[in-house]
Amino acid sequence: MTDPYAASYPVYPAGGPVSAPPRRGRPVDMTVTILELVLLALAALCVTGLALFLGAWSEGVAPEDDVAPFIARVLVPTWTLWLVALGVSIVLMVRGKLAFWVPLVALALWLGFFALVFSNGG
């Protein structure tokens, strides 16, 4: 006697269902992206230290000059760009897409911003 529902059962090879091979991701892209993000964070820390030093130094030299707006115009975009680059890079790496270009674009925007700030006299 034959099973009337035999056609509705999935037919698997002898070992059971075969899964797709594991996805390896992009190890070189991930390594390069993380290295770029770390270097960008170190550069942002250097800029933060220099801005704080400038603020402390200017208080002793010219207390009537307020450098807080200048420091804010330098530090806020610096860390905002880094956080955006970090977030976009993580999303792209999780989805398995190339992400090495994100920190490079953030660096280009950062340098362009500094050129704009310093060309206008701060």
PDB file of N, CA and C in Angstrom:
ATOM      1  N   MET A   1       0.838  -1.163   0.000  1.00  0.00           N
ATOM      2  CA  MET A   1       0.000   0.000   0.000  1.00  0.00           C
ATOM      3  C   MET A   1       0.888   1.233   0.000  1.00  0.00           C
ATOM      4  N   THR A   2       0.552   2.206  -0.778  1.00  0.00           N
ATOM      5  CA  THR A   2       1.352   3.425  -0.871  1.00  0.00           C
ATOM      6  C   THR A   2       0.767   4.516   0.005  1.00  0.00           C
ATOM      7  N   ASP A   3       1.625   5.409   0.436  1.00  0.00           N
ATOM      8  CA  ASP A   3       1.209   6.532   1.285  1.00  0.00           C
ATOM      9  C   ASP A   3       0.620   7.619   0.399  1.00  0.00           C
ATOM     10  N   PRO A   4      -0.618   8.040   0.619  1.00  0.00           N
ATOM     11  CA  PRO A   4      -1.220   9.070  -0.250  1.00  0.00           C
ATOM     12  C   PRO A   4      -0.598  10.446  -0.042  1.00  0.00           C
ATOM     13  N   TYR A   5       0.092  10.637   1.073  1.00  0.00           N
ATOM     14  CA  TYR A   5       0.695  11.947   1.349  1.00  0.00           C
ATOM     15  C   TYR A   5       2.193  11.991   1.029  1.00  0.00           C
ATOM     16  N   ALA A   6       2.690  10.980   0.396  1.00  0.00           N
ATOM     17  CA  ALA A   6       4.128  10.896   0.122  1.00  0.00           C
ATOM     18  C   ALA A   6       4.604  12.034  -0.765  1.00  0.00           C
ATOM     19  N   ALA A   7       3.805  12.524  -1.649  1.00  0.00           N
ATOM     20  CA  ALA A   7       4.220  13.599  -2.547  1.00  0.00           C
ATOM     21  C   ALA A   7       4.350  14.925  -1.811  1.00  0.00           C
ATOM     22  N   SER A   8       3.703  15.098  -0.654  1.00  0.00           N
ATOM     23  CA  SER A   8       3.763  16.365   0.064  1.00  0.00           C
ATOM     24  C   SER A   8       4.967  16.442   1.007  1.00  0.00           C
ATOM     25  N   TYR A   9       5.646  15.335   1.239  1.00  0.00           N
ATOM     26  CA  TYR A   9       6.822  15.359   2.100  1.00  0.00           C
ATOM     27  C   TYR A   9       8.024  15.858   1.324  1.00  0.00           C
ATOM     28  N   PRO A  10       8.874  16.714   1.922  1.00  0.00           N
ATOM     29  CA  PRO A  10      10.090  17.108   1.204  1.00  0.00           C
ATOM     30  C   PRO A  10      11.050  15.928   1.097  1.00  0.00           C
ATOM     31  N   VAL A  11      11.710  15.873  -0.010  1.00  0.00           N
ATOM     32  CA  VAL A  11      12.661  14.795  -0.241  1.00  0.00           C
ATOM     33  C   VAL A  11      14.057  15.323   0.019  1.00  0.00           C
ATOM     34  N   TYR A  12      14.727  14.731   0.995  1.00  0.00           N
ATOM     35  CA  TYR A  12      16.082  15.130   1.360  1.00  0.00           C
ATOM     36  C   TYR A  12      17.062  14.031   1.012  1.00  0.00           C
ATOM     37  N   PRO A  13      18.327  14.411   0.807  1.00  0.00           N
ATOM     38  CA  PRO A  13      19.338  13.372   0.626  1.00  0.00           C
ATOM     39  C   PRO A  13      19.454  12.539   1.901  1.00  0.00           C
ATOM     40  N   ALA A  14      20.231  11.495   1.850  1.00  0.00           N
ATOM     41  CA  ALA A  14      20.329  10.543   2.948  1.00  0.00           C
ATOM     42  C   ALA A  14      20.728  11.202   4.271  1.00  0.00           C
ATOM     43  N   GLY A  15      21.521  12.267   4.262  1.00  0.00           N
ATOM     44  CA  GLY A  15      22.003  12.879   5.503  1.00  0.00           C
ATOM     45  C   GLY A  15      21.047  13.893   6.101  1.00  0.00           C
ATOM     46  N   GLY A  16      19.899  14.120   5.555  1.00  0.00           N
ATOM     47  CA  GLY A  16      18.975  15.116   6.074  1.00  0.00           C
ATOM     48  C   GLY A  16      19.067  16.384   5.251  1.00  0.00           C
ATOM     49  N   PRO A  17      18.444  17.458   5.737  1.00  0.00           N
ATOM     50  CA  PRO A  17      18.473  18.702   4.965  1.00  0.00           C
ATOM     51  C   PRO A  17      19.889  19.261   4.864  1.00  0.00           C
ATOM     52  N   VAL A  18      20.212  19.772   3.705  1.00  0.00           N
ATOM     53  CA  VAL A  18      21.542  20.326   3.465  1.00  0.00           C
ATOM     54  C   VAL A  18      21.453  21.840   3.617  1.00  0.00           C
ATOM     55  N   SER A  19      22.287  22.390   4.492  1.00  0.00           N
ATOM     56  CA  SER A  19      22.282  23.839   4.673  1.00  0.00           C
ATOM     57  C   SER A  19      23.311  24.474   3.746  1.00  0.00           C
ATOM     58  N   ALA A  20      23.119  25.749   3.531  1.00  0.00           N
ATOM     59  CA  ALA A  20      24.071  26.490   2.700  1.00  0.00           C
ATOM     60  C   ALA A  20      25.413  26.571   3.427  1.00  0.00           C
ATOM     61  N   PRO A  21      26.496  26.658   2.692  1.00  0.00           N
ATOM     62  CA  PRO A  21      27.790  26.787   3.366  1.00  0.00           C
ATOM     63  C   PRO A  21      27.832  28.069   4.185  1.00  0.00           C
ATOM     64  N   PRO A  22      28.514  28.047   5.311  1.00  0.00           N
ATOM     65  CA  PRO A  22      28.556  29.258   6.147  1.00  0.00           C
ATOM     66  C   PRO A  22      29.200  30.422   5.417  1.00  0.00           C
ATOM     67  N   ARG A  23      28.623  31.594   5.626  1.00  0.00           N
ATOM     68  CA  ARG A  23      29.145  32.790   4.972  1.00  0.00           C
ATOM     69  C   ARG A  23      30.335  33.304   5.761  1.00  0.00           C
ATOM     70  N   ARG A  24      31.420  33.531   5.082  1.00  0.00           N
ATOM     71  CA  ARG A  24      32.650  33.942   5.752  1.00  0.00           C
ATOM     72  C   ARG A  24      32.712  35.433   5.998  1.00  0.00           C
ATOM     73  N   GLY A  25      31.896  36.215   5.335  1.00  0.00           N
ATOM     74  CA  GLY A  25      31.972  37.656   5.495  1.00  0.00           C
ATOM     75  C   GLY A  25      33.140  38.222   4.705  1.00  0.00           C
ATOM     76  N   ARG A  26      33.624  39.350   5.140  1.00  0.00           N
ATOM     77  CA  ARG A  26      34.741  40.021   4.475  1.00  0.00           C
ATOM     78  C   ARG A  26      35.772  40.368   5.530  1.00  0.00           C
ATOM     79  N   PRO A  27      36.641  39.417   5.862  1.00  0.00           N
ATOM     80  CA  PRO A  27      37.589  39.664   6.957  1.00  0.00           C
ATOM     81  C   PRO A  27      38.555  40.806   6.679  1.00  0.00           C
ATOM     82  N   VAL A  28      38.989  40.985   5.445  1.00  0.00           N
ATOM     83  CA  VAL A  28      39.931  42.066   5.136  1.00  0.00           C
ATOM     84  C   VAL A  28      39.219  43.408   5.262  1.00  0.00           C
ATOM     85  N   ASP A  29      38.004  43.490   4.741  1.00  0.00           N
ATOM     86  CA  ASP A  29      37.245  44.732   4.845  1.00  0.00           C
ATOM     87  C   ASP A  29      36.982  45.081   6.304  1.00  0.00           C
ATOM     88  N   MET A  30      36.623  44.086   7.101  1.00  0.00           N
ATOM     89  CA  MET A  30      36.339  44.340   8.509  1.00  0.00           C
ATOM     90  C   MET A  30      37.597  44.817   9.243  1.00  0.00           C
ATOM     91  N   THR A  31      38.723  44.195   8.954  1.00  0.00           N
ATOM     92  CA  THR A  31      39.978  44.591   9.593  1.00  0.00           C
ATOM     93  C   THR A  31      40.369  46.009   9.206  1.00  0.00           C
ATOM     94  N   VAL A  32      40.283  46.320   7.927  1.00  0.00           N
ATOM     95  CA  VAL A  32      40.654  47.659   7.454  1.00  0.00           C
ATOM     96  C   VAL A  32      39.705  48.713   8.021  1.00  0.00           C
ATOM     97  N   THR A  33      38.413  48.407   8.065  1.00  0.00           N
ATOM     98  CA  THR A  33      37.432  49.358   8.591  1.00  0.00           C
ATOM     99  C   THR A  33      37.674  49.630  10.069  1.00  0.00           C
ATOM    100  N   ILE A  34      37.919  48.586  10.838  1.00  0.00           N
ATOM    101  CA  ILE A  34      38.165  48.769  12.274  1.00  0.00           C
ATOM    102  C   ILE A  34      39.451  49.553  12.492  1.00  0.00           C
ATOM    103  N   LEU A  35      40.484  49.257  11.715  1.00  0.00           N
ATOM    104  CA  LEU A  35      41.741  49.997  11.838  1.00  0.00           C
ATOM    105  C   LEU A  35      41.538  51.476  11.501  1.00  0.00           C
ATOM    106  N   GLU A  36      40.787  51.757  10.441  1.00  0.00           N
ATOM    107  CA  GLU A  36      40.511  53.150  10.081  1.00  0.00           C
ATOM    108  C   GLU A  36      39.707  53.860  11.161  1.00  0.00           C
ATOM    109  N   LEU A  37      38.733  53.171  11.743  1.00  0.00           N
ATOM    110  CA  LEU A  37      37.937  53.788  12.808  1.00  0.00           C
ATOM    111  C   LEU A  37      38.782  54.070  14.045  1.00  0.00           C
ATOM    112  N   VAL A  38      39.692  53.159  14.374  1.00  0.00           N
ATOM    113  CA  VAL A  38      40.581  53.381  15.521  1.00  0.00           C
ATOM    114  C   VAL A  38      41.506  54.568  15.259  1.00  0.00           C
ATOM    115  N   LEU A  39      42.072  54.639  14.055  1.00  0.00           N
ATOM    116  CA  LEU A  39      42.944  55.766  13.725  1.00  0.00           C
ATOM    117  C   LEU A  39      42.169  57.083  13.722  1.00  0.00           C
ATOM    118  N   LEU A  40      40.940  57.055  13.243  1.00  0.00           N
ATOM    119  CA  LEU A  40      40.107  58.259  13.256  1.00  0.00           C
ATOM    120  C   LEU A  40      39.786  58.674  14.689  1.00  0.00           C
ATOM    121  N   ALA A  41      39.537  57.701  15.563  1.00  0.00           N
ATOM    122  CA  ALA A  41      39.276  58.017  16.976  1.00  0.00           C
ATOM    123  C   ALA A  41      40.523  58.592  17.646  1.00  0.00           C
ATOM    124  N   LEU A  42      41.696  58.059  17.319  1.00  0.00           N
ATOM    125  CA  LEU A  42      42.936  58.607  17.884  1.00  0.00           C
ATOM    126  C   LEU A  42      43.162  60.043  17.410  1.00  0.00           C
ATOM    127  N   ALA A  43      42.874  60.308  16.144  1.00  0.00           N
ATOM    128  CA  ALA A  43      43.002  61.675  15.641  1.00  0.00           C
ATOM    129  C   ALA A  43      42.006  62.598  16.340  1.00  0.00           C
ATOM    130  N   ALA A  44      40.795  62.110  16.581  1.00  0.00           N
ATOM    131  CA  ALA A  44      39.800  62.916  17.286  1.00  0.00           C
ATOM    132  C   ALA A  44      40.234  63.177  18.729  1.00  0.00           C
ATOM    133  N   LEU A  45      40.859  62.195  19.358  1.00  0.00           N
ATOM    134  CA  LEU A  45      41.382  62.412  20.711  1.00  0.00           C
ATOM    135  C   LEU A  45      42.496  63.445  20.713  1.00  0.00           C
ATOM    136  N   CYS A  46      43.359  63.408  19.715  1.00  0.00           N
ATOM    137  CA  CYS A  46      44.422  64.416  19.614  1.00  0.00           C
ATOM    138  C   CYS A  46      43.830  65.813  19.441  1.00  0.00           C
ATOM    139  N   VAL A  47      42.821  65.937  18.586  1.00  0.00           N
ATOM    140  CA  VAL A  47      42.176  67.231  18.382  1.00  0.00           C
ATOM    141  C   VAL A  47      41.500  67.691  19.670  1.00  0.00           C
ATOM    142  N   THR A  48      40.885  66.769  20.392  1.00  0.00           N
ATOM    143  CA  THR A  48      40.259  67.121  21.664  1.00  0.00           C
ATOM    144  C   THR A  48      41.294  67.623  22.658  1.00  0.00           C
ATOM    145  N   GLY A  49      42.415  66.917  22.747  1.00  0.00           N
ATOM    146  CA  GLY A  49      43.479  67.357  23.653  1.00  0.00           C
ATOM    147  C   GLY A  49      44.031  68.717  23.274  1.00  0.00           C
ATOM    148  N   LEU A  50      44.245  68.938  21.991  1.00  0.00           N
ATOM    149  CA  LEU A  50      44.742  70.241  21.542  1.00  0.00           C
ATOM    150  C   LEU A  50      43.729  71.350  21.807  1.00  0.00           C
ATOM    151  N   ALA A  51      42.452  71.064  21.614  1.00  0.00           N
ATOM    152  CA  ALA A  51      41.421  72.076  21.869  1.00  0.00           C
ATOM    153  C   ALA A  51      41.352  72.414  23.356  1.00  0.00           C
ATOM    154  N   LEU A  52      41.459  71.414  24.201  1.00  0.00           N
ATOM    155  CA  LEU A  52      41.444  71.674  25.642  1.00  0.00           C
ATOM    156  C   LEU A  52      42.697  72.434  26.077  1.00  0.00           C
ATOM    157  N   PHE A  53      43.827  72.079  25.485  1.00  0.00           N
ATOM    158  CA  PHE A  53      45.063  72.810  25.778  1.00  0.00           C
ATOM    159  C   PHE A  53      44.941  74.264  25.324  1.00  0.00           C
ATOM    160  N   LEU A  54      44.375  74.475  24.143  1.00  0.00           N
ATOM    161  CA  LEU A  54      44.174  75.830  23.634  1.00  0.00           C
ATOM    162  C   LEU A  54      43.268  76.627  24.568  1.00  0.00           C
ATOM    163  N   GLY A  55      42.215  75.996  25.044  1.00  0.00           N
ATOM    164  CA  GLY A  55      41.308  76.674  25.965  1.00  0.00           C
ATOM    165  C   GLY A  55      41.988  77.047  27.268  1.00  0.00           C
ATOM    166  N   ALA A  56      42.782  76.138  27.811  1.00  0.00           N
ATOM    167  CA  ALA A  56      43.483  76.425  29.066  1.00  0.00           C
ATOM    168  C   ALA A  56      44.571  77.474  28.849  1.00  0.00           C
ATOM    169  N   TRP A  57      45.267  77.397  27.732  1.00  0.00           N
ATOM    170  CA  TRP A  57      46.345  78.339  27.456  1.00  0.00           C
ATOM    171  C   TRP A  57      45.800  79.750  27.223  1.00  0.00           C
ATOM    172  N   SER A  58      44.669  79.827  26.501  1.00  0.00           N
ATOM    173  CA  SER A  58      44.122  81.152  26.185  1.00  0.00           C
ATOM    174  C   SER A  58      43.558  81.843  27.422  1.00  0.00           C
ATOM    175  N   GLU A  59      43.146  81.090  28.419  1.00  0.00           N
ATOM    176  CA  GLU A  59      42.657  81.712  29.652  1.00  0.00           C
ATOM    177  C   GLU A  59      43.768  82.492  30.349  1.00  0.00           C
ATOM    178  N   GLY A  60      44.974  81.983  30.288  1.00  0.00           N
ATOM    179  CA  GLY A  60      46.094  82.672  30.927  1.00  0.00           C
ATOM    180  C   GLY A  60      46.637  83.814  30.088  1.00  0.00           C
ATOM    181  N   VAL A  61      46.579  83.700  28.780  1.00  0.00           N
ATOM    182  CA  VAL A  61      47.168  84.702  27.893  1.00  0.00           C
ATOM    183  C   VAL A  61      46.200  85.846  27.632  1.00  0.00           C
ATOM    184  N   ALA A  62      44.990  85.508  27.257  1.00  0.00           N
ATOM    185  CA  ALA A  62      44.008  86.542  26.904  1.00  0.00           C
ATOM    186  C   ALA A  62      42.664  86.160  27.505  1.00  0.00           C
ATOM    187  N   PRO A  63      42.461  86.442  28.796  1.00  0.00           N
ATOM    188  CA  PRO A  63      41.211  86.025  29.432  1.00  0.00           C
ATOM    189  C   PRO A  63      39.970  86.700  28.861  1.00  0.00           C
ATOM    190  N   GLU A  64      40.138  87.811  28.163  1.00  0.00           N
ATOM    191  CA  GLU A  64      38.964  88.487  27.602  1.00  0.00           C
ATOM    192  C   GLU A  64      38.448  87.794  26.340  1.00  0.00           C
ATOM    193  N   ASP A  65      39.282  86.999  25.695  1.00  0.00           N
ATOM    194  CA  ASP A  65      38.857  86.273  24.501  1.00  0.00           C
ATOM    195  C   ASP A  65      38.154  84.983  24.903  1.00  0.00           C
ATOM    196  N   ASP A  66      37.000  84.775  24.341  1.00  0.00           N
ATOM    197  CA  ASP A  66      36.239  83.565  24.641  1.00  0.00           C
ATOM    198  C   ASP A  66      36.487  82.555  23.524  1.00  0.00           C
ATOM    199  N   VAL A  67      37.181  81.476  23.849  1.00  0.00           N
ATOM    200  CA  VAL A  67      37.482  80.456  22.840  1.00  0.00           C
ATOM    201  C   VAL A  67      36.498  79.298  22.882  1.00  0.00           C
ATOM    202  N   ALA A  68      35.532  79.333  23.772  1.00  0.00           N
ATOM    203  CA  ALA A  68      34.568  78.231  23.881  1.00  0.00           C
ATOM    204  C   ALA A  68      33.798  77.995  22.582  1.00  0.00           C
ATOM    205  N   PRO A  69      33.327  79.033  21.883  1.00  0.00           N
ATOM    206  CA  PRO A  69      32.631  78.750  20.613  1.00  0.00           C
ATOM    207  C   PRO A  69      33.543  78.084  19.579  1.00  0.00           C
ATOM    208  N   PHE A  70      34.795  78.513  19.545  1.00  0.00           N
ATOM    209  CA  PHE A  70      35.732  77.894  18.600  1.00  0.00           C
ATOM    210  C   PHE A  70      35.954  76.430  18.955  1.00  0.00           C
ATOM    211  N   ILE A  71      36.136  76.153  20.240  1.00  0.00           N
ATOM    212  CA  ILE A  71      36.349  74.771  20.673  1.00  0.00           C
ATOM    213  C   ILE A  71      35.119  73.927  20.352  1.00  0.00           C
ATOM    214  N   ALA A  72      33.944  74.471  20.580  1.00  0.00           N
ATOM    215  CA  ALA A  72      32.710  73.736  20.275  1.00  0.00           C
ATOM    216  C   ALA A  72      32.580  73.481  18.776  1.00  0.00           C
ATOM    217  N   ARG A  73      32.953  74.474  17.943  1.00  0.00           N
ATOM    218  CA  ARG A  73      32.880  74.282  16.496  1.00  0.00           C
ATOM    219  C   ARG A  73      33.869  73.246  15.999  1.00  0.00           C
ATOM    220  N   VAL A  74      34.895  72.964  16.781  1.00  0.00           N
ATOM    221  CA  VAL A  74      35.859  71.954  16.390  1.00  0.00           C
ATOM    222  C   VAL A  74      35.481  70.581  16.947  1.00  0.00           C
ATOM    223  N   LEU A  75      35.086  70.525  18.205  1.00  0.00           N
ATOM    224  CA  LEU A  75      34.864  69.239  18.852  1.00  0.00           C
ATOM    225  C   LEU A  75      33.541  68.576  18.493  1.00  0.00           C
ATOM    226  N   VAL A  76      32.481  69.344  18.379  1.00  0.00           N
ATOM    227  CA  VAL A  76      31.177  68.727  18.106  1.00  0.00           C
ATOM    228  C   VAL A  76      31.170  68.006  16.751  1.00  0.00           C
ATOM    229  N   PRO A  77      31.602  68.636  15.665  1.00  0.00           N
ATOM    230  CA  PRO A  77      31.624  67.891  14.395  1.00  0.00           C
ATOM    231  C   PRO A  77      32.631  66.742  14.391  1.00  0.00           C
ATOM    232  N   THR A  78      33.719  66.906  15.114  1.00  0.00           N
ATOM    233  CA  THR A  78      34.726  65.843  15.156  1.00  0.00           C
ATOM    234  C   THR A  78      34.123  64.552  15.688  1.00  0.00           C
ATOM    235  N   TRP A  79      33.504  64.634  16.847  1.00  0.00           N
ATOM    236  CA  TRP A  79      32.956  63.421  17.459  1.00  0.00           C
ATOM    237  C   TRP A  79      31.654  62.996  16.802  1.00  0.00           C
ATOM    238  N   THR A  80      30.896  63.930  16.256  1.00  0.00           N
ATOM    239  CA  THR A  80      29.672  63.561  15.548  1.00  0.00           C
ATOM    240  C   THR A  80      30.004  62.753  14.295  1.00  0.00           C
ATOM    241  N   LEU A  81      30.980  63.208  13.532  1.00  0.00           N
ATOM    242  CA  LEU A  81      31.392  62.458  12.335  1.00  0.00           C
ATOM    243  C   LEU A  81      31.916  61.077  12.705  1.00  0.00           C
ATOM    244  N   TRP A  82      32.663  60.995  13.791  1.00  0.00           N
ATOM    245  CA  TRP A  82      33.202  59.693  14.188  1.00  0.00           C
ATOM    246  C   TRP A  82      32.070  58.746  14.588  1.00  0.00           C
ATOM    247  N   LEU A  83      31.103  59.238  15.350  1.00  0.00           N
ATOM    248  CA  LEU A  83      29.993  58.384  15.770  1.00  0.00           C
ATOM    249  C   LEU A  83      29.136  57.944  14.583  1.00  0.00           C
ATOM    250  N   VAL A  84      28.909  58.849  13.640  1.00  0.00           N
ATOM    251  CA  VAL A  84      28.148  58.478  12.441  1.00  0.00           C
ATOM    252  C   VAL A  84      28.917  57.441  11.624  1.00  0.00           C
ATOM    253  N   ALA A  85      30.225  57.651  11.467  1.00  0.00           N
ATOM    254  CA  ALA A  85      31.045  56.681  10.725  1.00  0.00           C
ATOM    255  C   ALA A  85      31.037  55.324  11.424  1.00  0.00           C
ATOM    256  N   LEU A  86      31.105  55.328  12.737  1.00  0.00           N
ATOM    257  CA  LEU A  86      31.069  54.080  13.498  1.00  0.00           C
ATOM    258  C   LEU A  86      29.739  53.362  13.280  1.00  0.00           C
ATOM    259  N   GLY A  87      28.640  54.080  13.406  1.00  0.00           N
ATOM    260  CA  GLY A  87      27.326  53.460  13.239  1.00  0.00           C
ATOM    261  C   GLY A  87      27.094  52.917  11.842  1.00  0.00           C
ATOM    262  N   VAL A  88      27.418  53.716  10.833  1.00  0.00           N
ATOM    263  CA  VAL A  88      27.219  53.267   9.446  1.00  0.00           C
ATOM    264  C   VAL A  88      28.131  52.087   9.128  1.00  0.00           C
ATOM    265  N   SER A  89      29.367  52.118   9.625  1.00  0.00           N
ATOM    266  CA  SER A  89      30.291  51.008   9.384  1.00  0.00           C
ATOM    267  C   SER A  89      29.780  49.717  10.015  1.00  0.00           C
ATOM    268  N   ILE A  90      29.267  49.803  11.228  1.00  0.00           N
ATOM    269  CA  ILE A  90      28.743  48.603  11.892  1.00  0.00           C
ATOM    270  C   ILE A  90      27.564  48.033  11.113  1.00  0.00           C
ATOM    271  N   VAL A  91      26.653  48.890  10.695  1.00  0.00           N
ATOM    272  CA  VAL A  91      25.486  48.414   9.936  1.00  0.00           C
ATOM    273  C   VAL A  91      25.938  47.738   8.644  1.00  0.00           C
ATOM    274  N   LEU A  92      26.864  48.351   7.925  1.00  0.00           N
ATOM    275  CA  LEU A  92      27.330  47.761   6.662  1.00  0.00           C
ATOM    276  C   LEU A  92      28.067  46.447   6.890  1.00  0.00           C
ATOM    277  N   MET A  93      28.889  46.377   7.932  1.00  0.00           N
ATOM    278  CA  MET A  93      29.620  45.127   8.197  1.00  0.00           C
ATOM    279  C   MET A  93      28.670  44.008   8.609  1.00  0.00           C
ATOM    280  N   VAL A  94      27.638  44.320   9.393  1.00  0.00           N
ATOM    281  CA  VAL A  94      26.672  43.298   9.800  1.00  0.00           C
ATOM    282  C   VAL A  94      25.911  42.770   8.585  1.00  0.00           C
ATOM    283  N   ARG A  95      25.615  43.648   7.656  1.00  0.00           N
ATOM    284  CA  ARG A  95      24.899  43.231   6.435  1.00  0.00           C
ATOM    285  C   ARG A  95      25.808  42.568   5.412  1.00  0.00           C
ATOM    286  N   GLY A  96      27.107  42.532   5.680  1.00  0.00           N
ATOM    287  CA  GLY A  96      28.039  41.874   4.775  1.00  0.00           C
ATOM    288  C   GLY A  96      28.454  42.719   3.590  1.00  0.00           C
ATOM    289  N   LYS A  97      28.300  44.012   3.669  1.00  0.00           N
ATOM    290  CA  LYS A  97      28.676  44.899   2.560  1.00  0.00           C
ATOM    291  C   LYS A  97      30.006  45.580   2.864  1.00  0.00           C
ATOM    292  N   LEU A  98      30.618  46.131   1.832  1.00  0.00           N
ATOM    293  CA  LEU A  98      31.887  46.831   2.018  1.00  0.00           C
ATOM    294  C   LEU A  98      31.689  48.065   2.883  1.00  0.00           C
ATOM    295  N   ALA A  99      32.584  48.248   3.858  1.00  0.00           N
ATOM    296  CA  ALA A  99      32.436  49.374   4.777  1.00  0.00           C
ATOM    297  C   ALA A  99      33.718  50.183   4.920  1.00  0.00           C
ATOM    298  N   PHE A 100      34.786  49.800   4.238  1.00  0.00           N
ATOM    299  CA  PHE A 100      36.061  50.496   4.414  1.00  0.00           C
ATOM    300  C   PHE A 100      35.997  51.955   3.984  1.00  0.00           C
ATOM    301  N   TRP A 101      35.077  52.276   3.092  1.00  0.00           N
ATOM    302  CA  TRP A 101      34.998  53.629   2.540  1.00  0.00           C
ATOM    303  C   TRP A 101      34.366  54.614   3.515  1.00  0.00           C
ATOM    304  N   VAL A 102      33.616  54.147   4.495  1.00  0.00           N
ATOM    305  CA  VAL A 102      32.899  55.054   5.404  1.00  0.00           C
ATOM    306  C   VAL A 102      33.866  55.904   6.232  1.00  0.00           C
ATOM    307  N   PRO A 103      34.879  55.313   6.908  1.00  0.00           N
ATOM    308  CA  PRO A 103      35.821  56.169   7.642  1.00  0.00           C
ATOM    309  C   PRO A 103      36.619  57.095   6.726  1.00  0.00           C
ATOM    310  N   LEU A 104      36.874  56.672   5.500  1.00  0.00           N
ATOM    311  CA  LEU A 104      37.601  57.538   4.571  1.00  0.00           C
ATOM    312  C   LEU A 104      36.759  58.758   4.191  1.00  0.00           C
ATOM    313  N   VAL A 105      35.472  58.548   3.977  1.00  0.00           N
ATOM    314  CA  VAL A 105      34.576  59.673   3.679  1.00  0.00           C
ATOM    315  C   VAL A 105      34.473  60.584   4.898  1.00  0.00           C
ATOM    316  N   ALA A 106      34.392  59.996   6.090  1.00  0.00           N
ATOM    317  CA  ALA A 106      34.335  60.807   7.313  1.00  0.00           C
ATOM    318  C   ALA A 106      35.608  61.638   7.468  1.00  0.00           C
ATOM    319  N   LEU A 107      36.748  61.058   7.153  1.00  0.00           N
ATOM    320  CA  LEU A 107      38.012  61.801   7.229  1.00  0.00           C
ATOM    321  C   LEU A 107      38.026  62.949   6.230  1.00  0.00           C
ATOM    322  N   ALA A 108      37.563  62.699   5.019  1.00  0.00           N
ATOM    323  CA  ALA A 108      37.527  63.764   4.004  1.00  0.00           C
ATOM    324  C   ALA A 108      36.587  64.893   4.431  1.00  0.00           C
ATOM    325  N   LEU A 109      35.422  64.536   4.967  1.00  0.00           N
ATOM    326  CA  LEU A 109      34.501  65.565   5.459  1.00  0.00           C
ATOM    327  C   LEU A 109      35.100  66.335   6.627  1.00  0.00           C
ATOM    328  N   TRP A 110      35.782  65.625   7.498  1.00  0.00           N
ATOM    329  CA  TRP A 110      36.408  66.242   8.673  1.00  0.00           C
ATOM    330  C   TRP A 110      37.481  67.244   8.256  1.00  0.00           C
ATOM    331  N   LEU A 111      38.341  66.837   7.329  1.00  0.00           N
ATOM    332  CA  LEU A 111      39.394  67.737   6.849  1.00  0.00           C
ATOM    333  C   LEU A 111      38.802  68.924   6.104  1.00  0.00           C
ATOM    334  N   GLY A 112      37.753  68.680   5.327  1.00  0.00           N
ATOM    335  CA  GLY A 112      37.079  69.788   4.652  1.00  0.00           C
ATOM    336  C   GLY A 112      36.451  70.751   5.637  1.00  0.00           C
ATOM    337  N   PHE A 113      35.887  70.211   6.704  1.00  0.00           N
ATOM    338  CA  PHE A 113      35.309  71.068   7.727  1.00  0.00           C
ATOM    339  C   PHE A 113      36.383  71.912   8.410  1.00  0.00           C
ATOM    340  N   PHE A 114      37.517  71.298   8.731  1.00  0.00           N
ATOM    341  CA  PHE A 114      38.601  72.067   9.355  1.00  0.00           C
ATOM    342  C   PHE A 114      39.109  73.154   8.426  1.00  0.00           C
ATOM    343  N   ALA A 115      39.218  72.859   7.150  1.00  0.00           N
ATOM    344  CA  ALA A 115      39.641  73.881   6.198  1.00  0.00           C
ATOM    345  C   ALA A 115      38.642  75.035   6.181  1.00  0.00           C
ATOM    346  N   LEU A 116      37.359  74.723   6.265  1.00  0.00           N
ATOM    347  CA  LEU A 116      36.339  75.761   6.281  1.00  0.00           C
ATOM    348  C   LEU A 116      36.402  76.584   7.567  1.00  0.00           C
ATOM    349  N   VAL A 117      36.565  75.925   8.706  1.00  0.00           N
ATOM    350  CA  VAL A 117      36.612  76.648   9.988  1.00  0.00           C
ATOM    351  C   VAL A 117      37.823  77.552  10.054  1.00  0.00           C
ATOM    352  N   PHE A 118      38.977  77.031   9.665  1.00  0.00           N
ATOM    353  CA  PHE A 118      40.199  77.824   9.790  1.00  0.00           C
ATOM    354  C   PHE A 118      40.339  78.874   8.693  1.00  0.00           C
ATOM    355  N   SER A 119      39.671  78.688   7.558  1.00  0.00           N
ATOM    356  CA  SER A 119      39.744  79.708   6.509  1.00  0.00           C
ATOM    357  C   SER A 119      38.913  80.939   6.877  1.00  0.00           C
ATOM    358  N   ASN A 120      37.900  80.748   7.719  1.00  0.00           N
ATOM    359  CA  ASN A 120      37.076  81.876   8.152  1.00  0.00           C
ATOM    360  C   ASN A 120      37.613  82.529   9.417  1.00  0.00           C
ATOM    361  N   GLY A 121      38.775  82.163   9.821  1.00  0.00           N
ATOM    362  CA  GLY A 121      39.398  82.764  10.984  1.00  0.00           C
ATOM    363  C   GLY A 121      38.898  82.226  12.301  1.00  0.00           C
ATOM    364  N   GLY A 122      38.282  81.049  12.291  1.00  0.00           N
ATOM    365  CA  GLY A 122      37.821  80.428  13.526  1.00  0.00           C
ATOM    366  C   GLY A 122      36.524  80.961  13.881  1.00  0.00           C
TER     367      GLY A 122
END
